[in-house]
Amino acid sequence: MKSYEAQTPLGTKPSLEALKRCDVLLLLGTSFPYTSFLPEKAKVIQVNVDPANLGKRVRVEVGLVGTVRGFLSAVKDRIKEKGDKYYSHLKGAKEDWRGN
């Protein structure tokens, strides 16, 4: 894998690109302390077992108290992989970053 740390201390180029362009961000089991990386206009859905962490660092549209496992179990059959050109671009960029 290629490191992207020379340009940013967090994540990879494809993940940061996805963060910048997302319209909904799902935070699972984290209060995500790296707020400078969060998109400005995205709606945030946050799932955490500790209600004190909901909206702790970022304004959330929907805050859910519970486990990540429970949440994913409840929604897994309702989520479908996106198939637009931009998503395909991100998948390709991720594979390039991984060296595949």
C-alpha atoms as a PDB file:
ATOM      1  CA  MET A   1       0.000   0.000   0.000  1.00  0.00           C
ATOM      2  CA  LYS A   2       1.120   3.518  -0.745  1.00  0.00           C
ATOM      3  CA  SER A   3       1.208   5.962   2.145  1.00  0.00           C
ATOM      4  CA  TYR A   4      -0.581   9.244   1.724  1.00  0.00           C
ATOM      5  CA  GLU A   5       0.902  10.665   4.921  1.00  0.00           C
ATOM      6  CA  ALA A   6       3.210  13.007   3.030  1.00  0.00           C
ATOM      7  CA  GLN A   7       0.199  15.126   2.101  1.00  0.00           C
ATOM      8  CA  THR A   8      -2.231  14.412   4.931  1.00  0.00           C
ATOM      9  CA  PRO A   9      -2.021  12.777   8.352  1.00  0.00           C
ATOM     10  CA  LEU A  10      -5.312  10.947   7.916  1.00  0.00           C
ATOM     11  CA  GLY A  11      -6.503   8.330   5.476  1.00  0.00           C
ATOM     12  CA  THR A  12      -5.830   7.944   1.803  1.00  0.00           C
ATOM     13  CA  LYS A  13      -6.347  10.220  -1.167  1.00  0.00           C
ATOM     14  CA  PRO A  14      -9.456   8.265  -2.302  1.00  0.00           C
ATOM     15  CA  SER A  15     -10.993   8.337   1.187  1.00  0.00           C
ATOM     16  CA  LEU A  16     -10.413  12.071   1.562  1.00  0.00           C
ATOM     17  CA  GLU A  17     -11.863  12.690  -1.893  1.00  0.00           C
ATOM     18  CA  ALA A  18     -14.953  10.680  -0.926  1.00  0.00           C
ATOM     19  CA  LEU A  19     -15.296  12.630   2.321  1.00  0.00           C
ATOM     20  CA  LYS A  20     -15.131  15.964   0.491  1.00  0.00           C
ATOM     21  CA  ARG A  21     -17.901  15.040  -1.934  1.00  0.00           C
ATOM     22  CA  CYS A  22     -20.296  13.043   0.226  1.00  0.00           C
ATOM     23  CA  ASP A  23     -23.774  14.339   0.941  1.00  0.00           C
ATOM     24  CA  VAL A  24     -24.379  11.975   3.878  1.00  0.00           C
ATOM     25  CA  LEU A  25     -21.706  10.807   6.301  1.00  0.00           C
ATOM     26  CA  LEU A  26     -22.273   7.811   8.539  1.00  0.00           C
ATOM     27  CA  LEU A  27     -20.145   7.817  11.713  1.00  0.00           C
ATOM     28  CA  LEU A  28     -20.191   4.374  13.317  1.00  0.00           C
ATOM     29  CA  GLY A  29     -18.859   3.983  16.849  1.00  0.00           C
ATOM     30  CA  THR A  30     -16.710   7.105  16.755  1.00  0.00           C
ATOM     31  CA  SER A  31     -16.874  10.727  17.735  1.00  0.00           C
ATOM     32  CA  PHE A  32     -14.254  11.376  14.997  1.00  0.00           C
ATOM     33  CA  PRO A  33     -11.783  13.842  16.507  1.00  0.00           C
ATOM     34  CA  TYR A  34     -10.366  14.921  13.122  1.00  0.00           C
ATOM     35  CA  THR A  35     -13.081  17.468  12.425  1.00  0.00           C
ATOM     36  CA  SER A  36     -11.001  19.417   9.903  1.00  0.00           C
ATOM     37  CA  PHE A  37     -11.426  16.453   7.533  1.00  0.00           C
ATOM     38  CA  LEU A  38     -15.204  16.366   7.766  1.00  0.00           C
ATOM     39  CA  PRO A  39     -17.235  17.673   4.840  1.00  0.00           C
ATOM     40  CA  GLU A  40     -18.890  21.028   5.492  1.00  0.00           C
ATOM     41  CA  LYS A  41     -22.246  20.397   3.849  1.00  0.00           C
ATOM     42  CA  ALA A  42     -22.876  16.699   4.468  1.00  0.00           C
ATOM     43  CA  LYS A  43     -25.651  15.502   6.704  1.00  0.00           C
ATOM     44  CA  VAL A  44     -24.259  13.338   9.492  1.00  0.00           C
ATOM     45  CA  ILE A  45     -25.776  10.180  10.932  1.00  0.00           C
ATOM     46  CA  GLN A  46     -23.950   8.974  14.026  1.00  0.00           C
ATOM     47  CA  VAL A  47     -24.290   5.654  15.869  1.00  0.00           C
ATOM     48  CA  ASN A  48     -22.625   5.249  19.255  1.00  0.00           C
ATOM     49  CA  VAL A  49     -23.224   3.264  22.444  1.00  0.00           C
ATOM     50  CA  ASP A  50     -22.458   6.376  24.517  1.00  0.00           C
ATOM     51  CA  PRO A  51     -25.103   9.073  24.052  1.00  0.00           C
ATOM     52  CA  ALA A  52     -22.581  11.683  25.258  1.00  0.00           C
ATOM     53  CA  ASN A  53     -20.619  11.113  22.031  1.00  0.00           C
ATOM     54  CA  LEU A  54     -23.536  11.924  19.730  1.00  0.00           C
ATOM     55  CA  GLY A  55     -22.943  15.355  18.263  1.00  0.00           C
ATOM     56  CA  LYS A  56     -19.882  15.837  20.461  1.00  0.00           C
ATOM     57  CA  ARG A  57     -17.683  17.226  17.676  1.00  0.00           C
ATOM     58  CA  VAL A  58     -19.997  17.657  14.733  1.00  0.00           C
ATOM     59  CA  ARG A  59     -23.659  18.537  14.299  1.00  0.00           C
ATOM     60  CA  VAL A  60     -25.673  15.408  13.552  1.00  0.00           C
ATOM     61  CA  GLU A  61     -28.942  15.142  11.651  1.00  0.00           C
ATOM     62  CA  VAL A  62     -29.654  11.744  13.194  1.00  0.00           C
ATOM     63  CA  GLY A  63     -28.055  10.418  16.357  1.00  0.00           C
ATOM     64  CA  LEU A  64     -28.685   6.801  17.324  1.00  0.00           C
ATOM     65  CA  VAL A  65     -27.712   5.198  20.623  1.00  0.00           C
ATOM     66  CA  GLY A  66     -26.731   1.583  20.087  1.00  0.00           C
ATOM     67  CA  THR A  67     -24.039  -0.765  18.887  1.00  0.00           C
ATOM     68  CA  VAL A  68     -22.560  -0.654  15.426  1.00  0.00           C
ATOM     69  CA  ARG A  69     -23.298  -4.369  15.077  1.00  0.00           C
ATOM     70  CA  GLY A  70     -26.955  -3.828  15.926  1.00  0.00           C
ATOM     71  CA  PHE A  71     -27.256  -0.901  13.535  1.00  0.00           C
ATOM     72  CA  LEU A  72     -25.605  -2.713  10.635  1.00  0.00           C
ATOM     73  CA  SER A  73     -27.680  -5.795  11.267  1.00  0.00           C
ATOM     74  CA  ALA A  74     -30.843  -3.679  11.075  1.00  0.00           C
ATOM     75  CA  VAL A  75     -29.916  -1.860   7.835  1.00  0.00           C
ATOM     76  CA  LYS A  76     -27.748  -4.324   5.886  1.00  0.00           C
ATOM     77  CA  ASP A  77     -30.568  -5.571   3.660  1.00  0.00           C
ATOM     78  CA  ARG A  78     -31.593  -2.010   2.784  1.00  0.00           C
ATOM     79  CA  ILE A  79     -28.198  -0.771   1.604  1.00  0.00           C
ATOM     80  CA  LYS A  80     -27.178  -1.244  -2.004  1.00  0.00           C
ATOM     81  CA  GLU A  81     -23.858  -0.498  -3.650  1.00  0.00           C
ATOM     82  CA  LYS A  82     -23.943   2.733  -5.575  1.00  0.00           C
ATOM     83  CA  GLY A  83     -23.236   2.447  -9.285  1.00  0.00           C
ATOM     84  CA  ASP A  84     -22.560   5.950 -10.608  1.00  0.00           C
ATOM     85  CA  LYS A  85     -19.415   7.118 -12.445  1.00  0.00           C
ATOM     86  CA  TYR A  86     -17.963   8.963  -9.461  1.00  0.00           C
ATOM     87  CA  TYR A  87     -18.311   5.917  -7.224  1.00  0.00           C
ATOM     88  CA  SER A  88     -16.604   3.801  -9.907  1.00  0.00           C
ATOM     89  CA  HIS A  89     -13.807   6.385 -10.009  1.00  0.00           C
ATOM     90  CA  LEU A  90     -13.339   6.106  -6.228  1.00  0.00           C
ATOM     91  CA  LYS A  91     -13.239   2.320  -6.356  1.00  0.00           C
ATOM     92  CA  GLY A  92     -10.554   2.514  -9.043  1.00  0.00           C
ATOM     93  CA  ALA A  93      -8.560   5.090  -7.070  1.00  0.00           C
ATOM     94  CA  LYS A  94      -8.709   2.825  -4.019  1.00  0.00           C
ATOM     95  CA  GLU A  95      -7.394  -0.122  -6.027  1.00  0.00           C
ATOM     96  CA  ASP A  96      -4.608   2.065  -7.456  1.00  0.00           C
ATOM     97  CA  TRP A  97      -3.691   3.199  -3.944  1.00  0.00           C
ATOM     98  CA  ARG A  98      -3.609  -0.411  -2.719  1.00  0.00           C
ATOM     99  CA  GLY A  99      -1.346  -1.350  -5.626  1.00  0.00           C
ATOM    100  CA  ASN A 100      -3.803  -3.798  -7.229  1.00  0.00           C
END
